N, C-alpha and C. Protein backbone atom coordinates (compact mmCIF):
# COMPACT_ATOMS: atom_id res chain seq x y z
N MET A 1 178.81 135.63 158.68
CA MET A 1 178.44 134.38 159.13
C MET A 1 179.64 133.43 159.06
N PRO A 2 179.77 132.55 160.20
CA PRO A 2 180.85 131.62 159.87
C PRO A 2 180.87 130.71 158.89
N ASP A 3 182.12 130.28 158.55
CA ASP A 3 181.99 129.15 157.42
C ASP A 3 181.70 127.95 158.01
N SER A 4 181.86 126.82 157.29
CA SER A 4 181.42 125.61 157.92
C SER A 4 182.22 124.95 158.98
N TYR A 5 183.26 125.42 159.32
CA TYR A 5 184.10 125.13 160.50
C TYR A 5 183.91 126.14 161.56
N GLY A 6 182.90 127.08 161.54
CA GLY A 6 182.62 127.92 162.61
C GLY A 6 183.56 129.19 162.62
N ILE A 7 184.47 129.49 161.59
CA ILE A 7 185.32 130.51 161.76
C ILE A 7 184.68 131.94 161.66
N PHE A 8 184.86 132.86 162.34
CA PHE A 8 183.96 134.24 162.47
C PHE A 8 185.03 135.11 161.90
N THR A 9 184.35 136.28 161.42
CA THR A 9 185.02 137.43 161.03
C THR A 9 185.32 138.07 162.35
N HIS A 10 186.35 139.00 162.50
CA HIS A 10 186.65 139.59 163.73
C HIS A 10 185.61 140.63 164.20
N GLU A 11 184.76 141.12 163.43
CA GLU A 11 183.60 141.96 163.64
C GLU A 11 182.50 140.89 164.40
N GLU A 12 182.20 139.84 164.03
CA GLU A 12 181.38 139.01 164.56
C GLU A 12 181.76 138.50 165.94
N SER A 13 183.21 138.36 166.07
CA SER A 13 183.77 137.90 167.22
C SER A 13 183.49 139.05 168.35
N GLU A 14 183.56 140.04 167.92
CA GLU A 14 183.56 141.30 168.81
C GLU A 14 182.07 141.24 169.44
N ARG A 15 181.18 141.21 168.40
CA ARG A 15 179.71 141.08 168.96
C ARG A 15 179.35 140.20 169.97
N ILE A 16 179.96 139.06 169.67
CA ILE A 16 179.65 137.81 170.53
C ILE A 16 180.34 138.07 171.82
N LEU A 17 181.57 138.61 171.82
CA LEU A 17 182.26 138.99 173.07
C LEU A 17 181.44 139.88 174.00
N ILE A 18 180.66 140.69 173.69
CA ILE A 18 179.90 141.53 174.50
C ILE A 18 178.93 140.76 175.29
N LYS A 19 178.36 139.64 174.78
CA LYS A 19 177.43 138.64 175.47
C LYS A 19 178.28 138.04 176.61
N HIS A 20 179.70 137.79 176.37
CA HIS A 20 180.24 136.91 177.14
C HIS A 20 181.37 137.50 178.32
N GLU A 21 181.12 138.82 178.44
CA GLU A 21 182.19 139.62 179.37
C GLU A 21 182.06 139.00 180.57
N GLY A 22 180.90 138.52 181.09
CA GLY A 22 180.82 138.03 182.56
C GLY A 22 181.92 136.73 182.92
N ILE A 23 181.99 136.28 181.90
CA ILE A 23 182.97 134.94 182.09
C ILE A 23 184.41 135.50 182.58
N LEU A 24 184.84 136.61 181.95
CA LEU A 24 186.07 137.13 182.36
C LEU A 24 186.30 137.34 183.73
N ALA A 25 185.35 137.76 184.55
CA ALA A 25 185.46 138.03 185.96
C ALA A 25 185.93 136.92 186.64
N LEU A 26 185.45 135.71 186.35
CA LEU A 26 185.70 134.41 187.16
C LEU A 26 187.15 133.68 186.81
N LEU A 27 187.72 133.91 185.66
CA LEU A 27 188.88 133.49 185.24
C LEU A 27 189.91 133.31 186.21
N PRO A 28 190.38 134.59 186.81
CA PRO A 28 191.41 134.53 187.92
C PRO A 28 191.19 133.54 189.09
N GLU A 29 189.96 133.36 189.28
CA GLU A 29 189.51 132.38 190.37
C GLU A 29 189.63 130.93 189.97
N ALA A 30 189.48 130.70 188.77
CA ALA A 30 189.51 129.42 188.22
C ALA A 30 190.95 128.69 188.09
N PHE A 31 191.86 129.56 187.89
CA PHE A 31 193.10 129.17 187.44
C PHE A 31 194.26 129.49 188.47
N SER A 32 195.27 128.87 188.54
CA SER A 32 196.52 129.02 189.55
C SER A 32 197.38 130.09 188.80
N ARG A 33 197.90 131.09 189.37
CA ARG A 33 199.00 131.96 188.66
C ARG A 33 200.14 131.36 188.65
N ASP A 34 200.49 130.31 189.11
CA ASP A 34 201.87 129.53 188.97
C ASP A 34 202.05 128.53 187.82
N ARG A 35 200.99 128.48 187.00
CA ARG A 35 200.98 127.66 185.91
C ARG A 35 200.52 128.51 184.61
N LEU A 36 200.94 127.97 183.58
CA LEU A 36 200.81 128.59 182.31
C LEU A 36 199.34 128.19 181.95
N VAL A 37 198.59 129.29 181.26
CA VAL A 37 197.17 129.14 180.74
C VAL A 37 197.24 129.03 179.24
N LEU A 38 196.76 128.14 178.77
CA LEU A 38 196.57 128.06 177.20
C LEU A 38 195.06 128.28 176.92
N ASP A 39 194.66 129.29 176.17
CA ASP A 39 193.39 129.62 175.77
C ASP A 39 193.05 128.99 174.37
N LEU A 40 192.46 128.07 173.99
CA LEU A 40 192.18 127.49 172.73
C LEU A 40 191.02 128.20 172.11
N GLY A 41 190.98 128.38 171.02
CA GLY A 41 189.85 129.20 170.37
C GLY A 41 189.69 130.58 171.01
N CYS A 42 190.77 131.41 171.13
CA CYS A 42 190.67 132.76 171.97
C CYS A 42 190.15 133.85 171.25
N GLY A 43 189.84 133.72 170.05
CA GLY A 43 189.42 134.95 169.40
C GLY A 43 190.57 135.95 169.30
N ARG A 44 190.01 137.32 169.50
CA ARG A 44 191.28 138.26 169.50
C ARG A 44 192.10 138.30 170.65
N GLY A 45 191.59 137.52 171.78
CA GLY A 45 192.48 137.33 172.86
C GLY A 45 192.03 138.19 174.32
N HIS A 46 190.83 138.51 174.01
CA HIS A 46 190.30 139.27 175.37
C HIS A 46 190.48 138.49 176.73
N ALA A 47 190.27 137.10 176.66
CA ALA A 47 190.49 136.49 177.95
C ALA A 47 191.84 136.38 178.31
N CYS A 48 192.65 136.27 177.38
CA CYS A 48 194.16 136.13 177.61
C CYS A 48 194.62 137.55 178.09
N GLU A 49 194.06 138.64 177.55
CA GLU A 49 194.58 139.71 177.96
C GLU A 49 194.02 140.05 179.36
N HIS A 50 192.84 139.63 179.90
CA HIS A 50 192.25 139.78 181.23
C HIS A 50 193.22 138.93 182.11
N LEU A 51 193.59 137.77 181.76
CA LEU A 51 194.41 136.79 182.71
C LEU A 51 195.79 137.46 182.83
N LYS A 52 196.26 137.96 181.78
CA LYS A 52 197.72 138.71 181.74
C LYS A 52 197.70 139.81 182.75
N ASN A 53 196.55 140.66 182.61
CA ASN A 53 196.51 141.77 183.53
C ASN A 53 196.27 141.35 185.15
N HIS A 54 195.86 140.15 185.27
CA HIS A 54 195.85 139.60 186.73
C HIS A 54 196.94 138.66 187.01
N GLY A 55 198.17 138.79 186.24
CA GLY A 55 199.27 138.20 186.70
C GLY A 55 199.76 136.71 186.22
N PHE A 56 198.84 136.33 185.25
CA PHE A 56 198.97 135.06 184.53
C PHE A 56 199.80 134.90 183.42
N GLU A 57 200.54 133.85 183.19
CA GLU A 57 201.35 133.84 181.95
C GLU A 57 200.39 133.04 181.05
N VAL A 58 200.00 133.52 179.91
CA VAL A 58 198.99 132.89 178.98
C VAL A 58 199.32 133.11 177.56
N PHE A 59 198.90 132.24 176.76
CA PHE A 59 199.08 132.01 175.37
C PHE A 59 197.63 131.68 174.82
N GLY A 60 197.51 132.47 173.80
CA GLY A 60 196.17 132.16 173.05
C GLY A 60 196.27 131.65 171.72
N PHE A 61 195.48 130.71 171.27
CA PHE A 61 195.43 129.89 169.99
C PHE A 61 194.13 130.02 169.42
N GLU A 62 194.13 130.47 168.20
CA GLU A 62 192.90 130.76 167.52
C GLU A 62 193.03 130.20 166.05
N GLY A 63 191.90 129.62 165.46
CA GLY A 63 191.54 129.11 164.13
C GLY A 63 191.41 130.12 162.98
N THR A 64 190.95 131.36 163.65
CA THR A 64 190.57 132.35 162.56
C THR A 64 191.82 132.96 162.03
N PRO A 65 192.15 132.93 160.78
CA PRO A 65 193.22 133.61 160.16
C PRO A 65 193.45 135.01 160.60
N LEU A 66 194.71 135.35 160.62
CA LEU A 66 195.09 136.63 160.88
C LEU A 66 194.95 137.11 162.50
N SER A 67 194.60 136.38 163.11
CA SER A 67 194.37 136.51 164.57
C SER A 67 195.65 137.23 165.19
N GLU A 68 196.89 136.72 164.67
CA GLU A 68 198.09 137.30 165.27
C GLU A 68 198.19 138.81 165.02
N ASN A 69 197.83 139.22 164.09
CA ASN A 69 197.86 140.74 163.66
C ASN A 69 196.76 141.39 164.22
N GLU A 70 195.89 140.89 164.66
CA GLU A 70 194.65 141.65 165.19
C GLU A 70 194.36 141.38 166.56
N SER A 71 195.33 140.93 167.40
CA SER A 71 195.02 140.55 168.77
C SER A 71 194.99 141.72 169.65
N VAL A 72 194.48 141.57 170.82
CA VAL A 72 194.29 142.99 171.76
C VAL A 72 195.64 143.10 172.46
N GLY A 73 196.60 142.53 172.10
CA GLY A 73 197.95 142.88 172.75
C GLY A 73 198.59 141.83 173.42
N VAL A 74 198.12 140.60 173.18
CA VAL A 74 198.67 139.41 173.79
C VAL A 74 199.24 138.42 172.66
N PRO A 75 200.06 137.47 172.95
CA PRO A 75 200.49 136.54 171.92
C PRO A 75 199.44 135.60 171.59
N ILE A 76 199.00 135.57 170.36
CA ILE A 76 198.12 134.76 169.85
C ILE A 76 198.51 134.10 168.47
N PHE A 77 198.46 132.65 168.47
CA PHE A 77 199.03 132.05 167.46
C PHE A 77 197.76 131.29 166.58
N THR A 78 197.81 131.51 165.21
CA THR A 78 196.83 130.93 164.51
C THR A 78 197.44 129.25 164.22
N VAL A 79 196.19 128.51 164.81
CA VAL A 79 196.49 127.05 164.57
C VAL A 79 195.19 126.45 164.20
N ASN A 80 195.32 125.28 163.43
CA ASN A 80 194.08 124.64 163.02
C ASN A 80 193.69 123.86 164.31
N LEU A 81 192.52 124.18 164.92
CA LEU A 81 192.27 123.60 166.22
C LEU A 81 191.66 122.16 165.99
N ILE A 82 191.44 121.76 164.87
CA ILE A 82 191.12 120.28 164.63
C ILE A 82 192.33 119.48 164.07
N GLN A 83 193.42 119.89 164.36
CA GLN A 83 194.67 119.08 164.17
C GLN A 83 195.35 118.78 165.41
N PRO A 84 196.01 117.58 165.60
CA PRO A 84 196.60 117.28 166.77
C PRO A 84 197.96 117.77 166.72
N TRP A 85 197.94 119.17 167.40
CA TRP A 85 199.16 120.01 167.71
C TRP A 85 199.70 119.89 168.97
N TRP A 86 199.07 119.14 170.02
CA TRP A 86 199.39 119.14 171.31
C TRP A 86 200.80 118.72 171.59
N ARG A 87 201.32 118.12 170.80
CA ARG A 87 202.78 117.61 171.02
C ARG A 87 203.81 118.69 171.02
N VAL A 88 203.49 119.82 170.35
CA VAL A 88 204.42 120.93 170.19
C VAL A 88 204.31 122.03 171.30
N LEU A 89 203.52 121.92 172.17
CA LEU A 89 203.09 122.95 173.23
C LEU A 89 203.47 122.39 174.67
N PRO A 90 203.77 123.33 175.41
CA PRO A 90 204.02 122.88 176.89
C PRO A 90 202.45 122.51 177.53
N GLN A 91 202.50 121.75 178.45
CA GLN A 91 201.24 121.69 179.20
C GLN A 91 200.93 122.56 180.09
N GLY A 92 199.68 122.82 180.61
CA GLY A 92 199.51 123.81 181.53
C GLY A 92 197.88 123.74 181.95
N GLN A 93 197.35 124.93 182.19
CA GLN A 93 195.93 124.80 182.40
C GLN A 93 195.44 125.38 181.02
N VAL A 94 194.02 124.81 180.85
CA VAL A 94 193.37 125.05 179.33
C VAL A 94 192.27 125.79 179.69
N LEU A 95 191.92 126.89 178.95
CA LEU A 95 190.55 127.65 178.75
C LEU A 95 190.22 127.35 177.46
N CYS A 96 188.89 126.93 177.28
CA CYS A 96 188.34 126.58 175.90
C CYS A 96 186.75 126.96 176.12
N ILE A 97 186.42 128.24 175.85
CA ILE A 97 185.01 128.73 175.87
C ILE A 97 184.45 128.82 174.63
N GLU A 98 183.31 128.05 174.40
CA GLU A 98 182.49 128.34 173.37
C GLU A 98 183.13 127.90 172.20
N VAL A 99 183.86 126.86 172.03
CA VAL A 99 184.51 126.40 170.84
C VAL A 99 184.18 125.22 170.16
N GLY A 100 183.84 124.36 171.04
CA GLY A 100 183.50 122.88 170.40
C GLY A 100 182.32 122.82 169.57
N GLU A 101 181.23 123.63 169.87
CA GLU A 101 180.05 123.77 169.12
C GLU A 101 180.35 124.10 167.78
N HIS A 102 181.53 124.62 167.38
CA HIS A 102 181.99 125.15 166.20
C HIS A 102 182.92 124.17 165.38
N ILE A 103 183.05 123.09 165.94
CA ILE A 103 184.00 122.00 165.39
C ILE A 103 183.12 120.89 164.77
N PRO A 104 183.32 120.66 163.47
CA PRO A 104 182.58 119.45 162.83
C PRO A 104 182.66 118.25 163.97
N PRO A 105 181.47 117.52 163.95
CA PRO A 105 181.37 116.39 164.77
C PRO A 105 182.57 115.30 164.30
N SER A 106 182.71 115.24 163.12
CA SER A 106 183.97 114.30 162.65
C SER A 106 185.28 114.69 163.12
N CYS A 107 185.39 115.84 163.67
CA CYS A 107 186.65 116.22 164.01
C CYS A 107 186.76 116.57 165.60
N GLU A 108 185.81 116.24 166.35
CA GLU A 108 185.79 116.59 167.76
C GLU A 108 186.74 115.81 168.48
N SER A 109 186.84 114.56 168.04
CA SER A 109 187.93 113.86 169.04
C SER A 109 189.21 114.46 168.96
N VAL A 110 189.68 114.98 167.83
CA VAL A 110 191.01 115.73 168.10
C VAL A 110 190.94 116.99 168.99
N MET A 111 189.68 117.59 169.01
CA MET A 111 189.48 118.71 169.71
C MET A 111 189.66 118.35 171.23
N PHE A 112 189.07 117.31 171.56
CA PHE A 112 189.06 116.75 173.01
C PHE A 112 190.53 116.31 173.29
N ASP A 113 191.17 115.63 172.39
CA ASP A 113 192.41 115.38 172.63
C ASP A 113 193.34 116.27 172.99
N ASN A 114 193.26 117.47 172.13
CA ASN A 114 194.18 118.47 172.31
C ASN A 114 193.93 119.24 173.61
N ILE A 115 192.62 119.34 174.08
CA ILE A 115 192.36 119.90 175.17
C ILE A 115 192.97 118.98 176.57
N CYS A 116 192.64 117.76 176.53
CA CYS A 116 193.07 116.84 177.57
C CYS A 116 194.65 116.75 177.59
N ARG A 117 195.27 116.46 176.44
CA ARG A 117 196.63 116.28 176.45
C ARG A 117 197.40 117.69 176.72
N LEU A 118 196.81 118.71 176.58
CA LEU A 118 197.49 120.11 176.96
C LEU A 118 197.21 120.29 178.53
N THR A 119 196.56 119.52 179.35
CA THR A 119 196.18 119.73 180.65
C THR A 119 197.21 119.23 181.38
N ALA A 120 198.14 119.86 182.19
CA ALA A 120 199.12 119.21 182.90
C ALA A 120 198.46 118.46 184.08
N PRO A 121 199.33 117.48 184.60
CA PRO A 121 198.86 116.82 185.93
C PRO A 121 198.81 118.03 187.01
N GLY A 122 197.77 117.89 187.92
CA GLY A 122 197.57 118.96 188.82
C GLY A 122 196.88 120.19 188.31
N CYS A 123 196.53 120.27 187.12
CA CYS A 123 196.00 121.44 186.53
C CYS A 123 194.51 121.12 186.17
N VAL A 124 193.97 122.25 185.93
CA VAL A 124 192.47 122.11 185.45
C VAL A 124 192.41 122.66 183.89
N SER A 125 191.07 122.29 183.50
CA SER A 125 190.52 122.88 182.20
C SER A 125 189.23 123.19 182.35
N LEU A 126 189.04 124.67 182.01
CA LEU A 126 187.81 125.15 182.14
C LEU A 126 187.14 125.33 180.73
N ILE A 127 186.05 124.62 180.43
CA ILE A 127 185.43 124.67 179.10
C ILE A 127 184.12 124.99 179.28
N SER A 128 183.49 125.40 178.15
CA SER A 128 182.17 125.55 177.94
C SER A 128 181.78 124.85 176.47
N TRP A 129 180.78 124.33 176.35
CA TRP A 129 180.25 123.56 174.92
C TRP A 129 178.85 123.91 174.91
N ALA A 130 178.35 124.52 173.93
CA ALA A 130 176.96 124.63 173.74
C ALA A 130 176.26 123.39 173.81
N VAL A 131 175.21 123.41 174.58
CA VAL A 131 174.27 122.25 174.85
C VAL A 131 173.30 122.08 173.61
N GLU A 132 172.76 120.77 173.40
CA GLU A 132 171.90 120.71 172.35
C GLU A 132 170.63 121.59 172.51
N GLY A 133 170.37 122.19 171.36
CA GLY A 133 169.09 123.14 171.37
C GLY A 133 169.50 124.54 171.59
N GLN A 134 170.83 124.91 172.08
CA GLN A 134 171.12 126.11 172.20
C GLN A 134 171.32 127.01 170.99
N GLU A 135 170.73 128.12 170.93
CA GLU A 135 170.91 128.92 169.78
C GLU A 135 172.26 129.50 169.73
N GLY A 136 172.68 129.73 168.47
CA GLY A 136 174.04 130.43 168.42
C GLY A 136 174.49 130.42 167.06
N CYS A 137 175.37 131.57 166.61
CA CYS A 137 175.94 131.53 165.49
C CYS A 137 176.83 130.60 165.10
N GLY A 138 176.72 129.79 164.05
CA GLY A 138 177.67 128.91 163.71
C GLY A 138 177.77 127.58 164.46
N HIS A 139 176.84 127.34 165.15
CA HIS A 139 176.71 126.14 166.15
C HIS A 139 176.40 124.85 165.03
N ILE A 140 177.56 123.99 165.01
CA ILE A 140 177.38 122.81 164.14
C ILE A 140 177.38 121.46 164.74
N ASN A 141 177.68 121.72 166.22
CA ASN A 141 178.11 120.33 166.94
C ASN A 141 177.89 120.50 168.64
N CYS A 142 176.72 120.99 168.86
CA CYS A 142 176.16 121.18 170.20
C CYS A 142 176.26 119.71 170.69
N ARG A 143 176.57 119.81 172.16
CA ARG A 143 176.63 118.46 172.89
C ARG A 143 176.13 118.73 174.33
N ASN A 144 175.41 117.93 174.81
CA ASN A 144 174.94 117.96 176.27
C ASN A 144 176.28 117.76 177.21
N ASN A 145 175.88 118.12 178.40
CA ASN A 145 177.10 118.13 179.36
C ASN A 145 177.61 116.51 179.65
N ASP A 146 176.62 115.53 179.70
CA ASP A 146 177.00 114.28 179.93
C ASP A 146 177.90 113.83 178.98
N TYR A 147 177.61 114.04 177.80
CA TYR A 147 178.63 113.78 176.57
C TYR A 147 179.95 114.28 176.64
N VAL A 148 179.95 115.57 177.02
CA VAL A 148 181.36 116.46 177.11
C VAL A 148 182.11 115.65 178.27
N ILE A 149 181.34 115.49 179.54
CA ILE A 149 182.00 115.02 180.42
C ILE A 149 182.65 113.50 180.33
N GLN A 150 181.84 112.69 179.73
CA GLN A 150 182.25 111.42 179.26
C GLN A 150 183.46 111.44 178.44
N GLN A 151 183.49 112.41 177.41
CA GLN A 151 184.59 112.36 176.41
C GLN A 151 185.85 112.92 177.23
N MET A 152 185.59 113.91 178.25
CA MET A 152 186.71 114.31 178.94
C MET A 152 187.35 113.21 179.82
N GLU A 153 186.60 112.75 180.54
CA GLU A 153 186.83 111.50 181.49
C GLU A 153 187.53 110.34 180.96
N VAL A 154 187.21 109.88 179.79
CA VAL A 154 187.80 108.82 179.16
C VAL A 154 189.26 109.22 178.83
N ARG A 155 189.60 110.44 178.74
CA ARG A 155 190.79 111.00 178.38
C ARG A 155 191.67 111.50 179.71
N GLY A 156 191.15 111.10 180.86
CA GLY A 156 191.96 111.13 182.04
C GLY A 156 191.49 112.31 182.90
N LEU A 157 190.68 113.31 182.47
CA LEU A 157 190.34 114.34 183.25
C LEU A 157 189.00 114.07 184.19
N ILE A 158 189.05 114.65 185.26
CA ILE A 158 187.86 114.32 186.29
C ILE A 158 186.99 115.69 186.35
N PHE A 159 185.66 115.33 186.06
CA PHE A 159 184.80 116.49 186.18
C PHE A 159 184.79 116.93 187.75
N GLN A 160 184.88 118.17 187.90
CA GLN A 160 184.70 118.74 189.23
C GLN A 160 183.37 119.33 189.42
N GLU A 161 182.31 118.42 189.80
CA GLU A 161 181.00 118.57 189.90
C GLU A 161 180.81 119.88 190.86
N GLY A 162 181.34 119.77 192.03
CA GLY A 162 181.01 120.86 193.10
C GLY A 162 181.55 122.28 192.73
N ARG A 163 182.78 122.24 192.15
CA ARG A 163 183.42 123.66 191.90
C ARG A 163 182.64 124.05 190.59
N THR A 164 182.26 123.30 189.64
CA THR A 164 181.44 123.69 188.60
C THR A 164 180.27 124.15 188.92
N ALA A 165 179.49 123.67 189.81
CA ALA A 165 178.07 124.22 190.24
C ALA A 165 178.37 125.54 190.99
N GLU A 166 179.43 125.80 191.74
CA GLU A 166 179.68 127.15 192.35
C GLU A 166 180.12 128.24 191.13
N LEU A 167 180.77 127.79 190.19
CA LEU A 167 181.01 128.74 189.03
C LEU A 167 179.69 129.09 188.39
N ARG A 168 178.93 128.00 188.07
CA ARG A 168 177.72 128.21 187.39
C ARG A 168 176.66 129.12 188.00
N GLN A 169 176.60 129.19 189.41
CA GLN A 169 175.76 129.96 190.07
C GLN A 169 175.94 131.42 189.68
N ARG A 170 177.14 131.76 189.09
CA ARG A 170 177.24 133.12 188.74
C ARG A 170 176.61 133.79 187.62
N PHE A 171 176.12 132.74 186.87
CA PHE A 171 175.42 133.19 185.73
C PHE A 171 173.95 132.64 185.56
N ASN A 172 173.25 133.59 184.73
CA ASN A 172 171.83 133.07 184.30
C ASN A 172 171.77 133.16 182.93
N ASP A 173 173.01 132.86 182.19
CA ASP A 173 172.88 132.69 180.64
C ASP A 173 173.54 131.49 180.27
N ILE A 174 174.08 131.44 179.14
CA ILE A 174 174.56 130.15 178.71
C ILE A 174 175.42 129.35 179.57
N TYR A 175 176.30 130.16 180.20
CA TYR A 175 177.37 129.48 181.12
C TYR A 175 176.71 128.74 182.32
N HIS A 176 175.33 129.09 182.66
CA HIS A 176 174.72 128.27 183.83
C HIS A 176 174.58 126.98 183.43
N HIS A 177 174.51 126.57 182.13
CA HIS A 177 174.19 125.25 181.86
C HIS A 177 175.50 124.58 181.00
N SER A 178 176.51 125.46 180.54
CA SER A 178 177.59 124.90 179.71
C SER A 178 178.91 124.79 180.41
N LEU A 179 179.25 125.74 181.28
CA LEU A 179 180.44 125.78 181.91
C LEU A 179 180.82 124.55 182.66
N MET A 180 181.98 124.00 182.66
CA MET A 180 182.57 122.93 183.11
C MET A 180 183.85 122.91 183.56
N LEU A 181 184.30 122.40 184.77
CA LEU A 181 185.64 122.41 185.22
C LEU A 181 186.25 120.96 185.41
N PHE A 182 187.15 120.59 184.88
CA PHE A 182 187.84 119.56 185.06
C PHE A 182 189.23 119.59 185.53
N LEU A 183 189.74 118.31 186.20
CA LEU A 183 191.12 118.22 186.75
C LEU A 183 191.63 117.10 186.22
N ARG A 184 193.06 117.25 185.90
CA ARG A 184 193.95 116.18 185.83
C ARG A 184 194.78 115.86 187.05
N GLU A 185 194.47 114.80 187.63
CA GLU A 185 195.24 114.54 188.91
C GLU A 185 196.57 114.23 188.84
N CYS A 186 197.41 114.53 189.70
CA CYS A 186 198.75 114.37 189.63
C CYS A 186 199.14 112.83 189.78
N ASN A 187 199.96 112.55 188.99
CA ASN A 187 200.27 110.97 188.85
C ASN A 187 200.79 110.42 190.27
């Protein structure tokens, strides 16, 4: 079971991954190959590995200790996802799948800041955040889409409603309700 901050053992992470393999197929469509992808809350790096195998430059960041030693073969850095560490990383495209609901509500603003400030102008962020009432292991901060959209937009990212609807049509599971694509426009 995760602790109060939603950190999983690697065995739990692997079981959860089995439920989410469908998300991997759409990742190459969601991102541009000419920009770096930053995967926040990447677990052992399965999405990172998938993107790397499709020609992307990608780095993974995970809050679970020892991730660097147990990755699936891509660079993963252990970071505290509820600390403002965006200043030390390059900007790019951001992937953050099923992470926010494991962040304490008192720390979510830092998580939103990290996602938004790491998203470069002209780039997208693809996120999912468990909606209120969604069952799940370690969910301590489920948020409905309108709340997440408002938090992202107040930080300068624009919800891509049409593209999000296209991506969601591919799912009949949690992603049909929780997947969202945002764009930071070029200045």
